[in-house]
Amino acid sequence: RFIVNDETIQYVAAFGGDALPLRYRFAATWAAREGPLLMWILWLTLLSWIWRKPMSEFEEESSRELRLRVVHGFSLILLLISISLDPFRQTPEFFIGAGLNELLQTDLMVIHPPLIFLGYSFCIHLCAISLSKIFTGSKSGIQEQILAVTRPGLLIMTLGIGLGGLWAYLILDWGGYWAWDPVETGSFLPWLALVGLSHLR
């Protein structure tokens, strides 16, 4: 809807606009709360589809089913929150949107949020693996499963945090490359967890 600038939807009317280049119209999708939640659901669903079969030859069927149920349950919670925000509500009469904030009109806005939410999705899958192993009492194949998720998750989170820090430094002027802002720290803590998991062997 953003790409075709469908201003009958209030979310598009508020943050979109014909004057925006196509890439910024695409990035405006995650300019507020509704868009990132829907993007997070998309990433979780994609990773669930990729790992819908056993993640290793040692993963038991009961563990696999519980792992997928945990991820789908988290996706359902995010979907319910998204529905409560009503991302597709119609634009009221005489509504004039402010458009995309100028600080968000950068190529880093196109790349950084999707990477961060993909990294969060890897962390949710790690949680699902752990919970499935705890509740089924199975330990078989846990190392292979954890590493299969941790390695790409750590790479994605490192890229996302690095690009986000660059954006904060160059565009947002947050006072330094790393100012310990809650947003920066919120993505740093899962990164620390991924670093720890990658070294636990």
N, C-alpha and C. Protein backbone atom coordinates (compact mmCIF):
# COMPACT_ATOMS: atom_id res chain seq x y z
N ARG A 1 0.82 -1.21 0.00
CA ARG A 1 0.00 0.00 0.00
C ARG A 1 0.85 1.26 0.00
N PHE A 2 2.01 1.21 0.68
CA PHE A 2 2.91 2.37 0.67
C PHE A 2 3.53 2.57 -0.71
N ILE A 3 3.89 1.49 -1.35
CA ILE A 3 4.57 1.60 -2.65
C ILE A 3 3.66 2.26 -3.68
N VAL A 4 2.36 1.93 -3.65
CA VAL A 4 1.42 2.56 -4.59
C VAL A 4 0.78 3.82 -3.99
N ASN A 5 1.19 4.17 -2.77
CA ASN A 5 0.70 5.36 -2.05
C ASN A 5 -0.82 5.38 -1.95
N ASP A 6 -1.37 4.31 -1.40
CA ASP A 6 -2.82 4.19 -1.21
C ASP A 6 -3.23 4.98 0.04
N GLU A 7 -3.61 6.24 -0.17
CA GLU A 7 -3.92 7.12 0.96
C GLU A 7 -5.31 6.90 1.54
N THR A 8 -6.01 5.86 1.08
CA THR A 8 -7.27 5.51 1.75
C THR A 8 -6.99 4.85 3.09
N ILE A 9 -5.77 4.37 3.29
CA ILE A 9 -5.36 3.78 4.57
C ILE A 9 -4.64 4.87 5.37
N GLN A 10 -5.07 5.10 6.60
CA GLN A 10 -4.56 6.20 7.39
C GLN A 10 -3.06 6.11 7.65
N TYR A 11 -2.57 4.91 7.85
CA TYR A 11 -1.13 4.70 8.10
C TYR A 11 -0.30 5.19 6.91
N VAL A 12 -0.79 4.93 5.71
CA VAL A 12 -0.10 5.39 4.50
C VAL A 12 -0.24 6.90 4.36
N ALA A 13 -1.43 7.42 4.62
CA ALA A 13 -1.65 8.87 4.50
C ALA A 13 -0.80 9.64 5.50
N ALA A 14 -0.56 9.04 6.67
CA ALA A 14 0.21 9.72 7.72
C ALA A 14 1.70 9.77 7.40
N PHE A 15 2.26 8.71 6.82
CA PHE A 15 3.71 8.64 6.67
C PHE A 15 4.19 8.54 5.22
N GLY A 16 3.29 8.33 4.27
CA GLY A 16 3.70 8.18 2.87
C GLY A 16 3.66 9.49 2.13
N GLY A 17 3.58 9.37 0.81
CA GLY A 17 3.50 10.55 -0.04
C GLY A 17 4.12 10.29 -1.40
N ASP A 18 3.53 10.87 -2.43
CA ASP A 18 4.04 10.70 -3.79
C ASP A 18 5.42 11.28 -3.97
N ALA A 19 5.76 12.29 -3.18
CA ALA A 19 7.05 12.96 -3.35
C ALA A 19 8.22 12.11 -2.86
N LEU A 20 7.93 11.10 -2.04
CA LEU A 20 9.01 10.25 -1.51
C LEU A 20 9.53 9.32 -2.59
N PRO A 21 10.86 9.13 -2.65
CA PRO A 21 11.39 8.08 -3.54
C PRO A 21 10.85 6.72 -3.13
N LEU A 22 10.83 5.79 -4.06
CA LEU A 22 10.24 4.48 -3.84
C LEU A 22 10.83 3.78 -2.62
N ARG A 23 12.14 3.84 -2.44
CA ARG A 23 12.77 3.14 -1.32
C ARG A 23 12.33 3.72 0.02
N TYR A 24 12.09 5.03 0.08
CA TYR A 24 11.64 5.65 1.33
C TYR A 24 10.16 5.37 1.58
N ARG A 25 9.40 5.23 0.50
CA ARG A 25 8.01 4.83 0.67
C ARG A 25 7.94 3.41 1.24
N PHE A 26 8.82 2.56 0.75
CA PHE A 26 8.92 1.19 1.28
C PHE A 26 9.33 1.22 2.75
N ALA A 27 10.33 2.04 3.09
CA ALA A 27 10.82 2.14 4.47
C ALA A 27 9.80 2.78 5.40
N ALA A 28 8.90 3.59 4.86
CA ALA A 28 7.86 4.22 5.70
C ALA A 28 6.93 3.18 6.30
N THR A 29 6.96 1.97 5.78
CA THR A 29 6.15 0.89 6.32
C THR A 29 6.43 0.68 7.81
N TRP A 30 7.67 0.88 8.23
CA TRP A 30 8.00 0.70 9.65
C TRP A 30 8.29 2.03 10.34
N ALA A 31 7.56 3.08 9.95
CA ALA A 31 7.74 4.41 10.54
C ALA A 31 7.02 4.57 11.87
N ALA A 32 6.09 3.68 12.20
CA ALA A 32 5.35 3.76 13.47
C ALA A 32 5.36 2.38 14.12
N ARG A 33 4.40 2.10 14.97
CA ARG A 33 4.39 0.83 15.71
C ARG A 33 3.84 -0.33 14.91
N GLU A 34 2.82 -0.09 14.10
CA GLU A 34 2.12 -1.18 13.42
C GLU A 34 3.01 -1.90 12.42
N GLY A 35 3.75 -1.15 11.63
CA GLY A 35 4.59 -1.73 10.59
C GLY A 35 5.66 -2.66 11.11
N PRO A 36 6.45 -2.25 12.13
CA PRO A 36 7.47 -3.17 12.66
C PRO A 36 6.89 -4.46 13.23
N LEU A 37 5.72 -4.37 13.86
CA LEU A 37 5.10 -5.59 14.39
C LEU A 37 4.74 -6.56 13.27
N LEU A 38 4.16 -6.03 12.19
CA LEU A 38 3.81 -6.89 11.06
C LEU A 38 5.06 -7.45 10.38
N MET A 39 6.12 -6.63 10.31
CA MET A 39 7.38 -7.11 9.73
C MET A 39 7.97 -8.23 10.60
N TRP A 40 7.89 -8.08 11.92
CA TRP A 40 8.39 -9.09 12.83
C TRP A 40 7.64 -10.41 12.64
N ILE A 41 6.32 -10.33 12.47
CA ILE A 41 5.52 -11.53 12.21
C ILE A 41 5.96 -12.18 10.90
N LEU A 42 6.23 -11.36 9.89
CA LEU A 42 6.69 -11.88 8.60
C LEU A 42 8.01 -12.64 8.76
N TRP A 43 8.98 -12.06 9.48
CA TRP A 43 10.27 -12.72 9.68
C TRP A 43 10.09 -14.03 10.46
N LEU A 44 9.30 -14.01 11.54
CA LEU A 44 9.07 -15.22 12.33
C LEU A 44 8.44 -16.32 11.48
N THR A 45 7.48 -15.94 10.65
CA THR A 45 6.80 -16.90 9.79
C THR A 45 7.77 -17.49 8.76
N LEU A 46 8.60 -16.63 8.19
CA LEU A 46 9.57 -17.10 7.20
C LEU A 46 10.56 -18.08 7.82
N LEU A 47 11.10 -17.74 9.00
CA LEU A 47 12.05 -18.65 9.67
C LEU A 47 11.37 -19.95 10.09
N SER A 48 10.10 -19.87 10.52
CA SER A 48 9.36 -21.09 10.87
C SER A 48 9.18 -21.99 9.65
N TRP A 49 8.94 -21.37 8.50
CA TRP A 49 8.80 -22.15 7.28
C TRP A 49 10.13 -22.80 6.89
N ILE A 50 11.23 -22.05 7.04
CA ILE A 50 12.56 -22.59 6.71
C ILE A 50 12.90 -23.77 7.62
N TRP A 51 12.58 -23.64 8.92
CA TRP A 51 12.91 -24.68 9.90
C TRP A 51 11.69 -25.51 10.27
N ARG A 52 10.77 -25.73 9.33
CA ARG A 52 9.56 -26.49 9.64
C ARG A 52 9.86 -27.98 9.80
N LYS A 53 10.94 -28.45 9.20
CA LYS A 53 11.34 -29.85 9.34
C LYS A 53 12.35 -29.95 10.48
N PRO A 54 12.69 -31.16 10.93
CA PRO A 54 13.68 -31.27 12.00
C PRO A 54 14.97 -30.52 11.64
N MET A 55 15.49 -29.78 12.63
CA MET A 55 16.67 -28.95 12.39
C MET A 55 17.95 -29.77 12.40
N SER A 56 17.89 -30.95 12.93
CA SER A 56 19.03 -31.87 12.89
C SER A 56 18.47 -33.28 12.84
N GLU A 57 19.32 -34.23 12.50
CA GLU A 57 18.85 -35.62 12.41
C GLU A 57 18.47 -36.18 13.78
N PHE A 58 18.90 -35.48 14.86
CA PHE A 58 18.63 -35.98 16.21
C PHE A 58 17.40 -35.33 16.85
N GLU A 59 16.79 -34.33 16.20
CA GLU A 59 15.64 -33.66 16.81
C GLU A 59 14.42 -34.57 16.77
N GLU A 60 13.85 -34.78 17.94
CA GLU A 60 12.67 -35.64 18.04
C GLU A 60 11.44 -34.90 17.55
N GLU A 61 10.43 -35.66 17.13
CA GLU A 61 9.21 -35.08 16.57
C GLU A 61 8.47 -34.22 17.60
N SER A 62 8.42 -34.68 18.85
CA SER A 62 7.71 -33.91 19.88
C SER A 62 8.42 -32.58 20.14
N SER A 63 9.73 -32.59 20.11
CA SER A 63 10.51 -31.37 20.31
C SER A 63 10.30 -30.40 19.14
N ARG A 64 10.27 -30.93 17.93
CA ARG A 64 10.06 -30.09 16.74
C ARG A 64 8.68 -29.43 16.78
N GLU A 65 7.67 -30.21 17.12
CA GLU A 65 6.30 -29.68 17.17
C GLU A 65 6.17 -28.58 18.22
N LEU A 66 6.75 -28.79 19.39
CA LEU A 66 6.66 -27.79 20.45
C LEU A 66 7.44 -26.54 20.07
N ARG A 67 8.59 -26.72 19.42
CA ARG A 67 9.39 -25.57 18.97
C ARG A 67 8.57 -24.69 18.03
N LEU A 68 7.90 -25.31 17.07
CA LEU A 68 7.09 -24.54 16.12
C LEU A 68 5.87 -23.92 16.78
N ARG A 69 5.29 -24.61 17.76
CA ARG A 69 4.13 -24.05 18.47
C ARG A 69 4.51 -22.80 19.26
N VAL A 70 5.69 -22.83 19.88
CA VAL A 70 6.14 -21.66 20.64
C VAL A 70 6.31 -20.46 19.72
N VAL A 71 6.94 -20.67 18.56
CA VAL A 71 7.15 -19.57 17.62
C VAL A 71 5.82 -19.07 17.07
N HIS A 72 4.93 -19.98 16.72
CA HIS A 72 3.61 -19.57 16.21
C HIS A 72 2.80 -18.86 17.28
N GLY A 73 2.96 -19.29 18.54
CA GLY A 73 2.28 -18.61 19.63
C GLY A 73 2.76 -17.18 19.80
N PHE A 74 4.08 -16.98 19.68
CA PHE A 74 4.62 -15.63 19.76
C PHE A 74 4.13 -14.79 18.59
N SER A 75 4.09 -15.38 17.40
CA SER A 75 3.57 -14.66 16.23
C SER A 75 2.11 -14.27 16.44
N LEU A 76 1.33 -15.16 17.05
CA LEU A 76 -0.08 -14.88 17.31
C LEU A 76 -0.22 -13.70 18.28
N ILE A 77 0.61 -13.67 19.31
CA ILE A 77 0.57 -12.54 20.26
C ILE A 77 0.86 -11.23 19.53
N LEU A 78 1.89 -11.23 18.69
CA LEU A 78 2.22 -10.03 17.92
C LEU A 78 1.09 -9.65 16.98
N LEU A 79 0.46 -10.65 16.38
CA LEU A 79 -0.66 -10.37 15.47
C LEU A 79 -1.84 -9.75 16.21
N LEU A 80 -2.13 -10.24 17.41
CA LEU A 80 -3.22 -9.67 18.20
C LEU A 80 -2.92 -8.23 18.61
N ILE A 81 -1.66 -7.97 18.95
CA ILE A 81 -1.28 -6.59 19.27
C ILE A 81 -1.43 -5.71 18.03
N SER A 82 -1.00 -6.23 16.88
CA SER A 82 -1.13 -5.47 15.63
C SER A 82 -2.59 -5.17 15.30
N ILE A 83 -3.44 -6.16 15.48
CA ILE A 83 -4.87 -5.96 15.20
C ILE A 83 -5.44 -4.88 16.11
N SER A 84 -5.00 -4.87 17.37
CA SER A 84 -5.51 -3.84 18.29
C SER A 84 -5.09 -2.44 17.87
N LEU A 85 -3.98 -2.33 17.15
CA LEU A 85 -3.53 -1.03 16.65
C LEU A 85 -4.23 -0.64 15.34
N ASP A 86 -4.90 -1.58 14.72
CA ASP A 86 -5.68 -1.36 13.50
C ASP A 86 -4.86 -0.69 12.39
N PRO A 87 -3.86 -1.40 11.85
CA PRO A 87 -2.97 -0.78 10.85
C PRO A 87 -3.65 -0.46 9.52
N PHE A 88 -4.79 -1.08 9.22
CA PHE A 88 -5.43 -0.87 7.93
C PHE A 88 -6.70 -0.03 8.04
N ARG A 89 -6.81 0.77 9.10
CA ARG A 89 -8.02 1.61 9.26
C ARG A 89 -8.07 2.65 8.14
N GLN A 90 -9.29 3.00 7.76
CA GLN A 90 -9.51 3.95 6.68
C GLN A 90 -9.16 5.37 7.13
N THR A 91 -8.71 6.16 6.20
CA THR A 91 -8.34 7.55 6.49
C THR A 91 -9.59 8.37 6.75
N PRO A 92 -9.65 9.06 7.91
CA PRO A 92 -10.82 9.91 8.17
C PRO A 92 -10.86 11.09 7.20
N GLU A 93 -12.02 11.65 7.05
CA GLU A 93 -12.18 12.80 6.16
C GLU A 93 -11.37 13.98 6.70
N PHE A 94 -10.77 14.73 5.81
CA PHE A 94 -9.96 15.91 6.12
C PHE A 94 -8.68 15.59 6.89
N PHE A 95 -8.23 14.32 6.87
CA PHE A 95 -6.98 13.96 7.55
C PHE A 95 -5.81 14.37 6.67
N ILE A 96 -4.84 15.05 7.26
CA ILE A 96 -3.62 15.44 6.53
C ILE A 96 -2.43 14.86 7.29
N GLY A 97 -1.70 13.99 6.63
CA GLY A 97 -0.54 13.37 7.26
C GLY A 97 0.68 14.28 7.23
N ALA A 98 1.57 14.05 8.17
CA ALA A 98 2.80 14.84 8.25
C ALA A 98 3.86 14.33 7.29
N GLY A 99 3.69 13.12 6.77
CA GLY A 99 4.70 12.52 5.90
C GLY A 99 5.81 11.87 6.72
N LEU A 100 6.76 11.32 6.04
CA LEU A 100 7.88 10.64 6.69
C LEU A 100 8.85 11.67 7.25
N ASN A 101 9.16 11.54 8.52
CA ASN A 101 10.11 12.44 9.18
C ASN A 101 11.42 12.50 8.38
N GLU A 102 11.98 13.68 8.26
CA GLU A 102 13.20 13.84 7.45
C GLU A 102 14.37 13.02 8.00
N LEU A 103 14.42 12.80 9.32
CA LEU A 103 15.49 12.00 9.90
C LEU A 103 15.38 10.53 9.49
N LEU A 104 14.20 10.13 9.05
CA LEU A 104 13.99 8.75 8.62
C LEU A 104 14.19 8.58 7.11
N GLN A 105 14.39 9.66 6.41
CA GLN A 105 14.58 9.59 4.95
C GLN A 105 16.06 9.39 4.65
N THR A 106 16.51 8.19 4.94
CA THR A 106 17.89 7.80 4.71
C THR A 106 17.93 6.32 4.34
N ASP A 107 18.96 5.93 3.60
CA ASP A 107 19.06 4.53 3.19
C ASP A 107 19.23 3.61 4.40
N LEU A 108 19.77 4.14 5.50
CA LEU A 108 19.92 3.32 6.70
C LEU A 108 18.56 2.93 7.28
N MET A 109 17.55 3.77 7.08
CA MET A 109 16.19 3.43 7.52
C MET A 109 15.64 2.26 6.71
N VAL A 110 16.07 2.14 5.47
CA VAL A 110 15.61 1.05 4.62
C VAL A 110 16.19 -0.29 5.11
N ILE A 111 17.42 -0.27 5.65
CA ILE A 111 18.14 -1.50 5.97
C ILE A 111 18.11 -1.85 7.45
N HIS A 112 18.31 -0.87 8.33
CA HIS A 112 18.51 -1.14 9.76
C HIS A 112 17.32 -1.82 10.45
N PRO A 113 16.10 -1.28 10.39
CA PRO A 113 14.99 -1.94 11.12
C PRO A 113 14.71 -3.38 10.68
N PRO A 114 14.71 -3.69 9.36
CA PRO A 114 14.48 -5.10 9.00
C PRO A 114 15.56 -6.03 9.56
N LEU A 115 16.82 -5.58 9.57
CA LEU A 115 17.89 -6.43 10.10
C LEU A 115 17.69 -6.67 11.60
N ILE A 116 17.37 -5.61 12.33
CA ILE A 116 17.18 -5.75 13.78
C ILE A 116 16.03 -6.70 14.09
N PHE A 117 14.90 -6.55 13.40
CA PHE A 117 13.77 -7.43 13.68
C PHE A 117 14.01 -8.86 13.21
N LEU A 118 14.82 -9.03 12.17
CA LEU A 118 15.23 -10.38 11.78
C LEU A 118 16.10 -10.98 12.88
N GLY A 119 17.00 -10.17 13.44
CA GLY A 119 17.82 -10.65 14.56
C GLY A 119 16.97 -11.04 15.76
N TYR A 120 15.96 -10.23 16.07
CA TYR A 120 15.04 -10.57 17.16
C TYR A 120 14.32 -11.90 16.88
N SER A 121 14.00 -12.13 15.61
CA SER A 121 13.32 -13.37 15.23
C SER A 121 14.22 -14.58 15.46
N PHE A 122 15.51 -14.44 15.16
CA PHE A 122 16.45 -15.52 15.47
C PHE A 122 16.48 -15.80 16.97
N CYS A 123 16.43 -14.74 17.78
CA CYS A 123 16.44 -14.92 19.25
C CYS A 123 15.18 -15.63 19.72
N ILE A 124 14.03 -15.31 19.13
CA ILE A 124 12.78 -16.00 19.49
C ILE A 124 12.88 -17.48 19.14
N HIS A 125 13.50 -17.80 18.01
CA HIS A 125 13.67 -19.20 17.63
C HIS A 125 14.60 -19.92 18.59
N LEU A 126 15.62 -19.24 19.08
CA LEU A 126 16.50 -19.85 20.09
C LEU A 126 15.72 -20.14 21.37
N CYS A 127 14.87 -19.22 21.75
CA CYS A 127 14.00 -19.43 22.92
C CYS A 127 13.09 -20.63 22.71
N ALA A 128 12.53 -20.73 21.52
CA ALA A 128 11.63 -21.85 21.21
C ALA A 128 12.37 -23.19 21.26
N ILE A 129 13.61 -23.22 20.76
CA ILE A 129 14.41 -24.45 20.83
C ILE A 129 14.64 -24.83 22.29
N SER A 130 15.03 -23.86 23.10
CA SER A 130 15.31 -24.13 24.51
C SER A 130 14.07 -24.62 25.24
N LEU A 131 12.94 -23.95 25.04
CA LEU A 131 11.71 -24.36 25.72
C LEU A 131 11.26 -25.75 25.28
N SER A 132 11.41 -26.04 23.99
CA SER A 132 11.00 -27.36 23.50
C SER A 132 11.87 -28.45 24.12
N LYS A 133 13.14 -28.17 24.30
CA LYS A 133 14.04 -29.16 24.91
C LYS A 133 13.74 -29.33 26.40
N ILE A 134 13.43 -28.21 27.08
CA ILE A 134 13.13 -28.29 28.52
C ILE A 134 11.86 -29.09 28.75
N PHE A 135 10.80 -28.79 28.01
CA PHE A 135 9.50 -29.40 28.27
C PHE A 135 9.37 -30.82 27.73
N THR A 136 10.20 -31.19 26.75
CA THR A 136 10.15 -32.57 26.27
C THR A 136 11.22 -33.43 26.94
N GLY A 137 12.14 -32.80 27.66
CA GLY A 137 13.20 -33.54 28.32
C GLY A 137 14.23 -34.11 27.37
N SER A 138 14.26 -33.59 26.15
CA SER A 138 15.17 -34.10 25.12
C SER A 138 16.41 -33.22 25.05
N LYS A 139 17.57 -33.85 24.97
CA LYS A 139 18.82 -33.10 24.79
C LYS A 139 19.48 -33.40 23.45
N SER A 140 18.92 -34.32 22.73
CA SER A 140 19.55 -34.75 21.49
C SER A 140 19.51 -33.66 20.42
N GLY A 141 20.66 -33.39 19.84
CA GLY A 141 20.77 -32.42 18.75
C GLY A 141 20.70 -30.97 19.15
N ILE A 142 20.75 -30.68 20.46
CA ILE A 142 20.57 -29.30 20.90
C ILE A 142 21.72 -28.41 20.43
N GLN A 143 22.95 -28.93 20.46
CA GLN A 143 24.09 -28.11 20.06
C GLN A 143 23.99 -27.71 18.59
N GLU A 144 23.64 -28.66 17.74
CA GLU A 144 23.52 -28.36 16.31
C GLU A 144 22.41 -27.35 16.05
N GLN A 145 21.27 -27.51 16.75
CA GLN A 145 20.16 -26.58 16.56
C GLN A 145 20.51 -25.17 17.02
N ILE A 146 21.11 -25.08 18.21
CA ILE A 146 21.47 -23.76 18.76
C ILE A 146 22.45 -23.06 17.83
N LEU A 147 23.46 -23.78 17.36
CA LEU A 147 24.46 -23.14 16.49
C LEU A 147 23.87 -22.76 15.13
N ALA A 148 22.93 -23.57 14.63
CA ALA A 148 22.31 -23.27 13.32
C ALA A 148 21.53 -21.96 13.37
N VAL A 149 21.06 -21.56 14.55
CA VAL A 149 20.31 -20.32 14.69
C VAL A 149 21.20 -19.18 15.18
N THR A 150 22.14 -19.51 16.07
CA THR A 150 22.99 -18.48 16.68
C THR A 150 23.91 -17.81 15.66
N ARG A 151 24.54 -18.60 14.82
CA ARG A 151 25.53 -18.02 13.88
C ARG A 151 24.92 -17.00 12.93
N PRO A 152 23.85 -17.33 12.19
CA PRO A 152 23.28 -16.28 11.34
C PRO A 152 22.65 -15.14 12.14
N GLY A 153 22.08 -15.48 13.32
CA GLY A 153 21.49 -14.44 14.17
C GLY A 153 22.53 -13.44 14.63
N LEU A 154 23.70 -13.92 15.01
CA LEU A 154 24.78 -13.03 15.46
C LEU A 154 25.26 -12.15 14.32
N LEU A 155 25.39 -12.70 13.13
CA LEU A 155 25.80 -11.91 11.97
C LEU A 155 24.78 -10.81 11.67
N ILE A 156 23.50 -11.18 11.64
CA ILE A 156 22.43 -10.22 11.33
C ILE A 156 22.37 -9.13 12.40
N MET A 157 22.43 -9.51 13.68
CA MET A 157 22.37 -8.52 14.76
C MET A 157 23.58 -7.59 14.73
N THR A 158 24.75 -8.12 14.42
CA THR A 158 25.96 -7.29 14.35
C THR A 158 25.82 -6.26 13.24
N LEU A 159 25.36 -6.69 12.07
CA LEU A 159 25.13 -5.75 10.97
C LEU A 159 24.08 -4.71 11.33
N GLY A 160 22.98 -5.18 11.92
CA GLY A 160 21.89 -4.28 12.29
C GLY A 160 22.31 -3.24 13.31
N ILE A 161 23.03 -3.66 14.35
CA ILE A 161 23.48 -2.73 15.38
C ILE A 161 24.51 -1.77 14.82
N GLY A 162 25.42 -2.28 14.01
CA GLY A 162 26.43 -1.41 13.41
C GLY A 162 25.81 -0.33 12.53
N LEU A 163 24.87 -0.73 11.68
CA LEU A 163 24.20 0.25 10.82
C LEU A 163 23.33 1.21 11.63
N GLY A 164 22.69 0.69 12.69
CA GLY A 164 21.89 1.56 13.56
C GLY A 164 22.75 2.57 14.30
N GLY A 165 23.93 2.14 14.76
CA GLY A 165 24.85 3.06 15.42
C GLY A 165 25.36 4.12 14.46
N LEU A 166 25.64 3.71 13.23
CA LEU A 166 26.08 4.67 12.21
C LEU A 166 24.98 5.68 11.92
N TRP A 167 23.74 5.22 11.83
CA TRP A 167 22.60 6.09 11.61
C TRP A 167 22.45 7.08 12.77
N ALA A 168 22.55 6.57 13.99
CA ALA A 168 22.43 7.44 15.17
C ALA A 168 23.54 8.49 15.19
N TYR A 169 24.72 8.10 14.76
CA TYR A 169 25.87 9.01 14.79
C TYR A 169 25.80 10.06 13.68
N LEU A 170 25.49 9.61 12.47
CA LEU A 170 25.53 10.52 11.32
C LEU A 170 24.26 11.36 11.18
N ILE A 171 23.11 10.77 11.41
CA ILE A 171 21.84 11.42 11.09
C ILE A 171 21.13 11.95 12.33
N LEU A 172 21.02 11.10 13.35
CA LEU A 172 20.17 11.44 14.49
C LEU A 172 20.87 12.32 15.52
N ASP A 173 22.21 12.37 15.50
CA ASP A 173 22.98 13.20 16.42
C ASP A 173 22.62 12.89 17.87
N TRP A 174 22.79 11.62 18.25
CA TRP A 174 22.48 11.20 19.62
C TRP A 174 23.63 11.44 20.58
N GLY A 175 24.63 12.18 20.19
CA GLY A 175 25.69 12.55 21.12
C GLY A 175 26.91 11.66 21.08
N GLY A 176 27.00 10.76 20.16
CA GLY A 176 28.17 9.90 20.08
C GLY A 176 27.81 8.65 19.32
N TYR A 177 28.82 7.86 18.99
CA TYR A 177 28.52 6.65 18.24
C TYR A 177 27.69 5.69 19.08
N TRP A 178 28.00 5.59 20.39
CA TRP A 178 27.21 4.73 21.26
C TRP A 178 26.90 5.51 22.53
N ALA A 179 25.68 5.99 22.64
CA ALA A 179 25.30 6.86 23.75
C ALA A 179 24.50 6.13 24.83
N TRP A 180 24.41 4.80 24.76
CA TRP A 180 23.64 4.00 25.72
C TRP A 180 22.18 4.43 25.77
N ASP A 181 21.66 4.83 24.65
CA ASP A 181 20.23 5.11 24.53
C ASP A 181 19.46 3.80 24.72
N PRO A 182 18.24 3.85 25.29
CA PRO A 182 17.47 2.61 25.48
C PRO A 182 17.25 1.81 24.19
N VAL A 183 17.10 2.50 23.07
CA VAL A 183 16.90 1.78 21.80
C VAL A 183 18.17 1.01 21.44
N GLU A 184 19.32 1.66 21.58
CA GLU A 184 20.58 0.99 21.28
C GLU A 184 20.82 -0.17 22.24
N THR A 185 20.59 0.07 23.52
CA THR A 185 20.81 -0.96 24.52
C THR A 185 19.84 -2.13 24.35
N GLY A 186 18.61 -1.81 23.92
CA GLY A 186 17.62 -2.86 23.69
C GLY A 186 18.02 -3.84 22.61
N SER A 187 18.81 -3.41 21.64
CA SER A 187 19.30 -4.34 20.62
C SER A 187 20.66 -4.93 21.00
N PHE A 188 21.35 -4.27 21.94
CA PHE A 188 22.66 -4.75 22.38
C PHE A 188 22.54 -5.99 23.27
N LEU A 189 21.50 -6.05 24.11
CA LEU A 189 21.34 -7.17 25.04
C LEU A 189 21.11 -8.50 24.32
N PRO A 190 20.22 -8.58 23.31
CA PRO A 190 20.12 -9.84 22.56
C PRO A 190 21.43 -10.20 21.85
N TRP A 191 22.16 -9.18 21.40
CA TRP A 191 23.46 -9.44 20.75
C TRP A 191 24.41 -10.09 21.74
N LEU A 192 24.45 -9.59 22.99
CA LEU A 192 25.29 -10.20 24.03
C LEU A 192 24.89 -11.66 24.27
N ALA A 193 23.58 -11.91 24.30
CA ALA A 193 23.10 -13.28 24.49
C ALA A 193 23.57 -14.18 23.35
N LEU A 194 23.52 -13.68 22.12
CA LEU A 194 23.98 -14.47 20.97
C LEU A 194 25.48 -14.72 21.03
N VAL A 195 26.24 -13.71 21.45
CA VAL A 195 27.69 -13.90 21.61
C VAL A 195 27.97 -14.97 22.66
N GLY A 196 27.24 -14.90 23.80
CA GLY A 196 27.41 -15.91 24.84
C GLY A 196 27.07 -17.30 24.35
N LEU A 197 25.95 -17.44 23.63
CA LEU A 197 25.55 -18.76 23.11
C LEU A 197 26.56 -19.31 22.12
N SER A 198 27.15 -18.43 21.33
CA SER A 198 28.10 -18.91 20.33
C SER A 198 29.40 -19.39 20.97
N HIS A 199 29.65 -19.00 22.23
CA HIS A 199 30.88 -19.41 22.92
C HIS A 199 30.64 -20.47 23.99
N LEU A 200 29.40 -20.85 24.24
CA LEU A 200 29.10 -21.77 25.34
C LEU A 200 29.65 -23.18 25.11
N ARG A 201 29.95 -23.55 23.89
CA ARG A 201 30.46 -24.89 23.63
C ARG A 201 31.75 -25.13 24.38
